[in-house]
């Protein structure tokens, strides 16, 4: 399956992959060797914790390598869909009731991070936004009920 990925997101994922391969993987290998030196592995919590960490690191490396090799890279800076919301858009929304503003960028699933306001293309908010235009109102099903937002602005490339 080919998944969309912004060039900025791909860069962040490559940096994470490099960190895992060059720093974390060697550190956990060293920790395993050190724990083995302590003797009986059956009751060695350090050894088991290091092996578990190694499994996590190797799994994440495989996930990142697969995602990067199967991604369709999209340079958001070259996109210009005008005021229409498409993948890669940064959208400023205002809650219809309170007027409180929030900004989201629509990115690939693997690079999403709600703390940084990067929402996955498959998320309910992104799905409600795709195809809409500046000035439109969207309705989102939230756990606390429906919420309405007005699209204040749509921009590409930052």
N, C-alpha and C. Protein backbone atom coordinates (compact mmCIF):
# COMPACT_ATOMS: atom_id res chain seq x y z
N UNK A 1 0.83 -1.17 0.00
CA UNK A 1 0.00 0.00 0.00
C UNK A 1 0.88 1.25 0.00
N UNK A 2 0.62 2.16 -0.89
CA UNK A 2 1.36 3.40 -0.95
C UNK A 2 0.61 4.45 -0.15
N UNK A 3 1.32 5.04 0.81
CA UNK A 3 0.70 6.04 1.68
C UNK A 3 1.34 7.40 1.40
N UNK A 4 0.55 8.47 1.46
CA UNK A 4 1.13 9.80 1.27
C UNK A 4 1.97 10.21 2.47
N UNK A 5 3.02 10.96 2.19
CA UNK A 5 3.92 11.41 3.24
C UNK A 5 4.51 12.75 2.79
N UNK A 6 4.48 13.74 3.65
CA UNK A 6 5.08 15.02 3.28
C UNK A 6 6.59 14.89 3.30
N UNK A 7 7.28 15.73 2.55
CA UNK A 7 8.74 15.67 2.54
C UNK A 7 9.31 15.99 3.92
N UNK A 8 8.67 16.92 4.64
CA UNK A 8 9.12 17.25 5.99
C UNK A 8 8.93 16.05 6.92
N UNK A 9 7.80 15.37 6.78
CA UNK A 9 7.54 14.17 7.59
C UNK A 9 8.53 13.06 7.27
N UNK A 10 8.85 12.89 6.00
CA UNK A 10 9.83 11.87 5.59
C UNK A 10 11.19 12.19 6.20
N UNK A 11 11.56 13.46 6.21
CA UNK A 11 12.84 13.86 6.81
C UNK A 11 12.87 13.52 8.30
N UNK A 12 11.78 13.82 9.02
CA UNK A 12 11.72 13.50 10.45
C UNK A 12 11.80 11.99 10.68
N UNK A 13 11.12 11.22 9.84
CA UNK A 13 11.14 9.76 10.00
C UNK A 13 12.53 9.20 9.70
N UNK A 14 13.22 9.76 8.68
CA UNK A 14 14.59 9.32 8.38
C UNK A 14 15.54 9.63 9.54
N UNK A 15 15.34 10.80 10.17
CA UNK A 15 16.16 11.16 11.34
C UNK A 15 15.92 10.20 12.49
N UNK A 16 14.65 9.84 12.71
CA UNK A 16 14.34 8.87 13.76
C UNK A 16 14.97 7.52 13.45
N UNK A 17 14.89 7.10 12.20
CA UNK A 17 15.48 5.82 11.78
C UNK A 17 16.98 5.82 12.01
N UNK A 18 17.65 6.90 11.64
CA UNK A 18 19.10 7.01 11.85
C UNK A 18 19.45 6.96 13.33
N UNK A 19 18.66 7.63 14.17
CA UNK A 19 18.86 7.61 15.62
C UNK A 19 18.71 6.19 16.16
N UNK A 20 17.69 5.49 15.70
CA UNK A 20 17.47 4.12 16.16
C UNK A 20 18.63 3.21 15.76
N UNK A 21 19.09 3.33 14.52
CA UNK A 21 20.14 2.45 14.01
C UNK A 21 21.53 2.78 14.58
N UNK A 22 21.84 4.05 14.70
CA UNK A 22 23.20 4.42 15.07
C UNK A 22 23.41 4.65 16.57
N UNK A 23 22.33 4.91 17.33
CA UNK A 23 22.49 5.20 18.75
C UNK A 23 21.78 4.15 19.61
N UNK A 24 20.47 4.01 19.40
CA UNK A 24 19.69 3.15 20.31
C UNK A 24 19.98 1.66 20.12
N UNK A 25 20.11 1.21 18.87
CA UNK A 25 20.39 -0.21 18.64
C UNK A 25 21.72 -0.62 19.27
N UNK A 26 22.83 0.11 19.03
CA UNK A 26 24.10 -0.27 19.68
C UNK A 26 24.03 -0.21 21.20
N UNK A 27 23.28 0.76 21.74
CA UNK A 27 23.17 0.89 23.20
C UNK A 27 22.46 -0.32 23.81
N UNK A 28 21.40 -0.77 23.16
CA UNK A 28 20.66 -1.92 23.71
C UNK A 28 21.47 -3.21 23.54
N UNK A 29 22.23 -3.33 22.47
CA UNK A 29 23.11 -4.50 22.29
C UNK A 29 24.14 -4.53 23.40
N UNK A 30 24.69 -3.37 23.72
CA UNK A 30 25.66 -3.27 24.82
C UNK A 30 24.99 -3.64 26.15
N UNK A 31 23.77 -3.17 26.38
CA UNK A 31 23.05 -3.47 27.63
C UNK A 31 22.77 -4.97 27.75
N UNK A 32 22.45 -5.63 26.63
CA UNK A 32 22.21 -7.07 26.66
C UNK A 32 23.49 -7.82 27.01
N UNK A 33 24.59 -7.41 26.37
CA UNK A 33 25.88 -8.06 26.65
C UNK A 33 26.27 -7.87 28.12
N UNK A 34 26.03 -6.68 28.66
CA UNK A 34 26.35 -6.41 30.06
C UNK A 34 25.48 -7.25 30.99
N UNK A 35 24.19 -7.36 30.66
CA UNK A 35 23.27 -8.14 31.50
C UNK A 35 23.62 -9.63 31.44
N UNK A 36 24.06 -10.09 30.27
CA UNK A 36 24.46 -11.51 30.15
C UNK A 36 25.64 -11.82 31.05
N UNK A 37 26.52 -10.83 31.19
CA UNK A 37 27.72 -11.04 32.01
C UNK A 37 27.38 -11.23 33.48
N UNK A 38 26.18 -10.84 33.90
CA UNK A 38 25.78 -10.98 35.30
C UNK A 38 25.34 -12.40 35.66
N UNK A 39 25.30 -13.29 34.67
CA UNK A 39 25.00 -14.68 35.00
C UNK A 39 23.61 -15.13 34.61
N UNK A 40 22.97 -15.89 35.49
CA UNK A 40 21.69 -16.55 35.26
C UNK A 40 20.67 -15.63 34.57
N UNK A 41 20.29 -16.00 33.34
CA UNK A 41 19.40 -15.16 32.54
C UNK A 41 17.93 -15.32 32.93
N UNK A 42 17.57 -16.44 33.58
CA UNK A 42 16.18 -16.68 33.94
C UNK A 42 15.66 -15.62 34.90
N UNK A 43 16.48 -15.21 35.84
CA UNK A 43 16.05 -14.26 36.87
C UNK A 43 16.72 -12.90 36.71
N UNK A 44 17.16 -12.60 35.50
CA UNK A 44 17.88 -11.36 35.26
C UNK A 44 16.93 -10.34 34.62
N UNK A 45 16.38 -9.45 35.43
CA UNK A 45 15.40 -8.46 34.96
C UNK A 45 16.03 -7.50 33.96
N UNK A 46 17.29 -7.14 34.18
CA UNK A 46 17.97 -6.22 33.25
C UNK A 46 18.05 -6.83 31.85
N UNK A 47 18.35 -8.11 31.79
CA UNK A 47 18.46 -8.80 30.51
C UNK A 47 17.11 -8.81 29.79
N UNK A 48 16.07 -9.18 30.52
CA UNK A 48 14.74 -9.25 29.91
C UNK A 48 14.24 -7.88 29.46
N UNK A 49 14.52 -6.85 30.25
CA UNK A 49 14.12 -5.49 29.87
C UNK A 49 14.88 -5.05 28.62
N UNK A 50 16.17 -5.36 28.55
CA UNK A 50 16.97 -4.99 27.38
C UNK A 50 16.50 -5.74 26.14
N UNK A 51 16.16 -7.00 26.28
CA UNK A 51 15.65 -7.79 25.13
C UNK A 51 14.31 -7.23 24.65
N UNK A 52 13.47 -6.84 25.59
CA UNK A 52 12.18 -6.25 25.23
C UNK A 52 12.40 -4.93 24.48
N UNK A 53 13.32 -4.12 24.97
CA UNK A 53 13.65 -2.86 24.32
C UNK A 53 14.22 -3.11 22.93
N UNK A 54 15.04 -4.14 22.80
CA UNK A 54 15.60 -4.49 21.50
C UNK A 54 14.50 -4.87 20.52
N UNK A 55 13.52 -5.61 20.98
CA UNK A 55 12.39 -5.99 20.12
C UNK A 55 11.61 -4.77 19.66
N UNK A 56 11.41 -3.81 20.56
CA UNK A 56 10.71 -2.59 20.20
C UNK A 56 11.50 -1.81 19.15
N UNK A 57 12.79 -1.65 19.37
CA UNK A 57 13.65 -0.90 18.45
C UNK A 57 13.66 -1.55 17.07
N UNK A 58 13.84 -2.87 17.03
CA UNK A 58 13.89 -3.57 15.74
C UNK A 58 12.55 -3.47 15.02
N UNK A 59 11.45 -3.55 15.77
CA UNK A 59 10.12 -3.42 15.16
C UNK A 59 9.91 -2.03 14.58
N UNK A 60 10.34 -1.01 15.32
CA UNK A 60 10.19 0.37 14.83
C UNK A 60 11.08 0.61 13.61
N UNK A 61 12.27 0.06 13.60
CA UNK A 61 13.16 0.18 12.43
C UNK A 61 12.48 -0.43 11.21
N UNK A 62 11.93 -1.62 11.36
CA UNK A 62 11.24 -2.28 10.24
C UNK A 62 10.04 -1.44 9.77
N UNK A 63 9.27 -0.92 10.72
CA UNK A 63 8.10 -0.10 10.38
C UNK A 63 8.52 1.14 9.60
N UNK A 64 9.55 1.83 10.05
CA UNK A 64 10.01 3.04 9.39
C UNK A 64 10.58 2.74 8.00
N UNK A 65 11.39 1.68 7.90
CA UNK A 65 11.97 1.33 6.60
C UNK A 65 10.88 0.99 5.59
N UNK A 66 9.88 0.23 6.03
CA UNK A 66 8.78 -0.14 5.14
C UNK A 66 8.00 1.11 4.71
N UNK A 67 7.66 1.95 5.69
CA UNK A 67 6.87 3.15 5.39
C UNK A 67 7.61 4.07 4.43
N UNK A 68 8.89 4.28 4.67
CA UNK A 68 9.66 5.17 3.81
C UNK A 68 9.83 4.61 2.40
N UNK A 69 9.95 3.29 2.29
CA UNK A 69 10.13 2.70 0.96
C UNK A 69 8.82 2.58 0.19
N UNK A 70 7.69 2.66 0.88
CA UNK A 70 6.39 2.53 0.22
C UNK A 70 5.58 3.83 0.23
N UNK A 71 6.23 4.93 0.57
CA UNK A 71 5.51 6.20 0.67
C UNK A 71 5.53 6.96 -0.65
N UNK A 72 4.48 7.71 -0.86
CA UNK A 72 4.44 8.65 -1.97
C UNK A 72 4.76 10.01 -1.36
N UNK A 73 5.97 10.51 -1.65
CA UNK A 73 6.39 11.79 -1.07
C UNK A 73 5.71 12.94 -1.80
N UNK A 74 5.19 13.85 -1.01
CA UNK A 74 4.51 15.01 -1.55
C UNK A 74 5.15 16.26 -0.96
N UNK A 75 5.68 17.11 -1.84
CA UNK A 75 6.29 18.36 -1.40
C UNK A 75 5.18 19.40 -1.28
N UNK A 76 4.82 19.70 -0.05
CA UNK A 76 3.70 20.61 0.23
C UNK A 76 3.98 22.00 -0.34
N UNK A 77 5.25 22.40 -0.40
CA UNK A 77 5.61 23.73 -0.89
C UNK A 77 5.20 23.92 -2.36
N UNK A 78 5.11 22.82 -3.11
CA UNK A 78 4.74 22.92 -4.52
C UNK A 78 3.24 22.84 -4.74
N UNK A 79 2.50 22.49 -3.69
CA UNK A 79 1.05 22.39 -3.82
C UNK A 79 0.44 23.79 -3.79
N UNK A 80 -0.56 23.99 -4.59
CA UNK A 80 -1.33 25.21 -4.48
C UNK A 80 -2.72 24.93 -5.01
N UNK A 81 -3.56 24.50 -4.10
CA UNK A 81 -4.93 24.19 -4.47
C UNK A 81 -5.84 25.39 -4.18
N UNK A 82 -5.22 26.55 -4.02
CA UNK A 82 -6.00 27.75 -3.73
C UNK A 82 -6.56 27.68 -2.33
N UNK A 83 -7.87 27.89 -2.22
CA UNK A 83 -8.50 27.85 -0.90
C UNK A 83 -9.17 26.51 -0.62
N UNK A 84 -8.87 25.50 -1.46
CA UNK A 84 -9.44 24.16 -1.28
C UNK A 84 -8.53 23.33 -0.38
N UNK A 85 -9.12 22.58 0.52
CA UNK A 85 -8.36 21.75 1.45
C UNK A 85 -8.05 20.41 0.79
N UNK A 86 -6.74 20.11 0.66
CA UNK A 86 -6.27 18.81 0.18
C UNK A 86 -5.14 18.36 1.10
N UNK A 87 -4.60 17.16 0.85
CA UNK A 87 -3.47 16.65 1.63
C UNK A 87 -2.36 17.70 1.66
N UNK A 88 -1.79 17.93 2.83
CA UNK A 88 -0.70 18.88 2.96
C UNK A 88 -1.13 20.28 3.36
N UNK A 89 -2.42 20.54 3.38
CA UNK A 89 -2.91 21.88 3.71
C UNK A 89 -2.73 22.16 5.20
N UNK A 90 -2.49 23.42 5.49
CA UNK A 90 -2.54 23.91 6.87
C UNK A 90 -3.80 24.76 6.94
N UNK A 91 -4.68 24.38 7.85
CA UNK A 91 -6.02 24.97 7.92
C UNK A 91 -6.23 25.62 9.28
N UNK A 92 -6.71 26.87 9.24
CA UNK A 92 -7.08 27.56 10.48
C UNK A 92 -8.59 27.45 10.61
N UNK A 93 -9.04 26.90 11.75
CA UNK A 93 -10.47 26.72 12.01
C UNK A 93 -10.88 27.58 13.20
N UNK A 94 -12.13 28.02 13.18
CA UNK A 94 -12.70 28.73 14.33
C UNK A 94 -13.94 27.97 14.75
N UNK A 95 -14.02 27.64 16.04
CA UNK A 95 -15.20 26.94 16.54
C UNK A 95 -16.39 27.87 16.40
N UNK A 96 -17.47 27.34 15.82
CA UNK A 96 -18.63 28.16 15.49
C UNK A 96 -19.22 28.85 16.72
N UNK A 97 -19.27 28.18 17.85
CA UNK A 97 -19.87 28.78 19.03
C UNK A 97 -18.97 29.78 19.72
N UNK A 98 -17.76 29.39 20.04
CA UNK A 98 -16.87 30.23 20.85
C UNK A 98 -15.95 31.13 20.03
N UNK A 99 -15.70 30.76 18.77
CA UNK A 99 -14.77 31.52 17.96
C UNK A 99 -13.32 31.18 18.23
N UNK A 100 -13.08 30.22 19.13
CA UNK A 100 -11.71 29.80 19.45
C UNK A 100 -11.07 29.21 18.20
N UNK A 101 -9.85 29.68 17.91
CA UNK A 101 -9.17 29.21 16.70
C UNK A 101 -8.18 28.10 17.00
N UNK A 102 -8.05 27.20 16.02
CA UNK A 102 -7.09 26.12 16.09
C UNK A 102 -6.55 25.91 14.67
N UNK A 103 -5.26 25.55 14.59
CA UNK A 103 -4.63 25.33 13.29
C UNK A 103 -4.18 23.88 13.20
N UNK A 104 -4.50 23.23 12.09
CA UNK A 104 -4.08 21.86 11.84
C UNK A 104 -3.42 21.77 10.47
N UNK A 105 -2.43 20.87 10.37
CA UNK A 105 -1.86 20.52 9.07
C UNK A 105 -2.23 19.07 8.80
N UNK A 106 -2.67 18.80 7.58
CA UNK A 106 -3.09 17.44 7.21
C UNK A 106 -1.89 16.71 6.62
N UNK A 107 -1.49 15.62 7.27
CA UNK A 107 -0.29 14.88 6.89
C UNK A 107 -0.60 13.39 6.78
N UNK A 108 0.41 12.60 6.45
CA UNK A 108 0.27 11.15 6.36
C UNK A 108 0.06 10.53 7.73
N UNK A 109 -0.51 9.34 7.74
CA UNK A 109 -0.83 8.66 9.00
C UNK A 109 0.38 8.48 9.91
N UNK A 110 1.52 8.09 9.34
CA UNK A 110 2.69 7.78 10.15
C UNK A 110 3.34 9.03 10.75
N UNK A 111 3.15 10.18 10.14
CA UNK A 111 3.80 11.40 10.64
C UNK A 111 2.87 12.25 11.51
N UNK A 112 1.64 11.80 11.73
CA UNK A 112 0.70 12.61 12.51
C UNK A 112 1.16 12.72 13.96
N UNK A 113 0.89 13.86 14.56
CA UNK A 113 1.24 14.13 15.95
C UNK A 113 0.32 15.25 16.44
N UNK A 114 -0.71 14.90 17.18
CA UNK A 114 -1.71 15.88 17.58
C UNK A 114 -1.11 16.99 18.43
N UNK A 115 -0.04 16.70 19.19
CA UNK A 115 0.60 17.73 20.01
C UNK A 115 1.19 18.83 19.14
N UNK A 116 1.62 18.46 17.93
CA UNK A 116 2.17 19.45 17.00
C UNK A 116 1.12 19.93 16.00
N UNK A 117 -0.12 19.52 16.23
CA UNK A 117 -1.25 19.88 15.35
C UNK A 117 -1.09 19.32 13.95
N UNK A 118 -0.46 18.14 13.86
CA UNK A 118 -0.33 17.42 12.59
C UNK A 118 -1.35 16.29 12.63
N UNK A 119 -2.42 16.40 11.83
CA UNK A 119 -3.48 15.39 11.88
C UNK A 119 -3.39 14.48 10.67
N UNK A 120 -3.66 13.21 10.91
CA UNK A 120 -3.59 12.19 9.86
C UNK A 120 -4.69 12.39 8.84
N UNK A 121 -4.36 12.12 7.59
CA UNK A 121 -5.31 12.23 6.48
C UNK A 121 -6.53 11.35 6.73
N UNK A 122 -6.35 10.28 7.52
CA UNK A 122 -7.46 9.36 7.79
C UNK A 122 -8.29 9.75 9.02
N UNK A 123 -7.90 10.82 9.72
CA UNK A 123 -8.62 11.22 10.93
C UNK A 123 -9.99 11.82 10.57
N UNK A 124 -10.94 11.78 11.51
CA UNK A 124 -12.26 12.34 11.25
C UNK A 124 -12.22 13.83 10.88
N UNK A 125 -11.35 14.58 11.54
CA UNK A 125 -11.27 16.02 11.23
C UNK A 125 -10.77 16.23 9.81
N UNK A 126 -9.69 15.51 9.44
CA UNK A 126 -9.14 15.66 8.09
C UNK A 126 -10.17 15.22 7.04
N UNK A 127 -10.86 14.12 7.30
CA UNK A 127 -11.86 13.65 6.34
C UNK A 127 -12.98 14.67 6.16
N UNK A 128 -13.33 15.36 7.24
CA UNK A 128 -14.38 16.39 7.15
C UNK A 128 -13.87 17.62 6.38
N UNK A 129 -12.56 17.87 6.44
CA UNK A 129 -11.99 19.06 5.80
C UNK A 129 -11.69 18.88 4.31
N UNK A 130 -11.28 17.66 3.91
CA UNK A 130 -10.84 17.43 2.53
C UNK A 130 -11.95 17.83 1.55
N UNK A 131 -11.56 18.64 0.57
CA UNK A 131 -12.49 19.06 -0.47
C UNK A 131 -13.25 20.34 -0.14
N UNK A 132 -13.19 20.78 1.12
CA UNK A 132 -13.88 22.01 1.51
C UNK A 132 -13.04 23.22 1.13
N UNK A 133 -13.62 24.39 1.25
CA UNK A 133 -12.95 25.64 0.87
C UNK A 133 -12.97 26.62 2.03
N UNK A 134 -12.09 27.61 1.94
CA UNK A 134 -12.07 28.71 2.90
C UNK A 134 -13.47 29.31 2.97
N UNK A 135 -13.96 29.54 4.18
CA UNK A 135 -15.30 30.10 4.35
C UNK A 135 -16.37 29.05 4.60
N UNK A 136 -16.09 27.78 4.28
CA UNK A 136 -17.06 26.71 4.52
C UNK A 136 -17.16 26.41 6.01
N UNK A 137 -18.26 25.77 6.40
CA UNK A 137 -18.45 25.30 7.77
C UNK A 137 -18.48 23.77 7.72
N UNK A 138 -17.79 23.15 8.68
CA UNK A 138 -17.77 21.68 8.75
C UNK A 138 -18.35 21.25 10.09
N UNK A 139 -18.88 20.04 10.11
CA UNK A 139 -19.40 19.45 11.33
C UNK A 139 -18.61 18.19 11.61
N UNK A 140 -18.12 18.08 12.84
CA UNK A 140 -17.30 16.93 13.23
C UNK A 140 -17.99 16.22 14.38
N UNK A 141 -18.05 14.89 14.28
CA UNK A 141 -18.58 14.07 15.37
C UNK A 141 -17.48 13.91 16.41
N UNK A 142 -17.65 14.53 17.56
CA UNK A 142 -16.68 14.42 18.65
C UNK A 142 -17.29 13.57 19.76
N UNK A 143 -16.46 13.06 20.67
CA UNK A 143 -17.01 12.25 21.77
C UNK A 143 -18.10 12.98 22.56
N UNK A 144 -17.99 14.31 22.66
CA UNK A 144 -18.99 15.08 23.40
C UNK A 144 -20.14 15.55 22.53
N UNK A 145 -20.25 15.05 21.32
CA UNK A 145 -21.32 15.46 20.42
C UNK A 145 -20.76 16.17 19.20
N UNK A 146 -21.66 16.72 18.39
CA UNK A 146 -21.23 17.40 17.17
C UNK A 146 -20.63 18.76 17.47
N UNK A 147 -19.57 19.10 16.70
CA UNK A 147 -18.96 20.42 16.82
C UNK A 147 -18.86 21.03 15.43
N UNK A 148 -19.14 22.30 15.35
CA UNK A 148 -19.06 22.99 14.07
C UNK A 148 -17.87 23.93 14.06
N UNK A 149 -17.18 23.95 12.92
CA UNK A 149 -16.03 24.83 12.74
C UNK A 149 -16.17 25.57 11.41
N UNK A 150 -15.73 26.82 11.40
CA UNK A 150 -15.64 27.60 10.17
C UNK A 150 -14.19 27.54 9.71
N UNK A 151 -14.00 27.35 8.39
CA UNK A 151 -12.65 27.34 7.83
C UNK A 151 -12.25 28.78 7.59
N UNK A 152 -11.29 29.27 8.36
CA UNK A 152 -10.85 30.67 8.29
C UNK A 152 -9.85 30.84 7.15
N UNK A 153 -8.85 29.96 7.08
CA UNK A 153 -7.86 30.08 6.00
C UNK A 153 -7.26 28.72 5.68
N UNK A 154 -6.76 28.62 4.45
CA UNK A 154 -6.10 27.41 3.95
C UNK A 154 -4.81 27.86 3.29
N UNK A 155 -3.70 27.24 3.70
CA UNK A 155 -2.43 27.59 3.07
C UNK A 155 -1.58 26.34 2.85
N UNK A 156 -0.60 26.49 1.98
CA UNK A 156 0.31 25.38 1.65
C UNK A 156 1.74 25.87 1.77
N UNK A 157 2.63 24.94 2.15
CA UNK A 157 4.05 25.29 2.20
C UNK A 157 4.46 26.00 3.47
N UNK A 158 3.77 25.72 4.58
CA UNK A 158 4.24 26.25 5.84
C UNK A 158 3.33 27.05 6.58
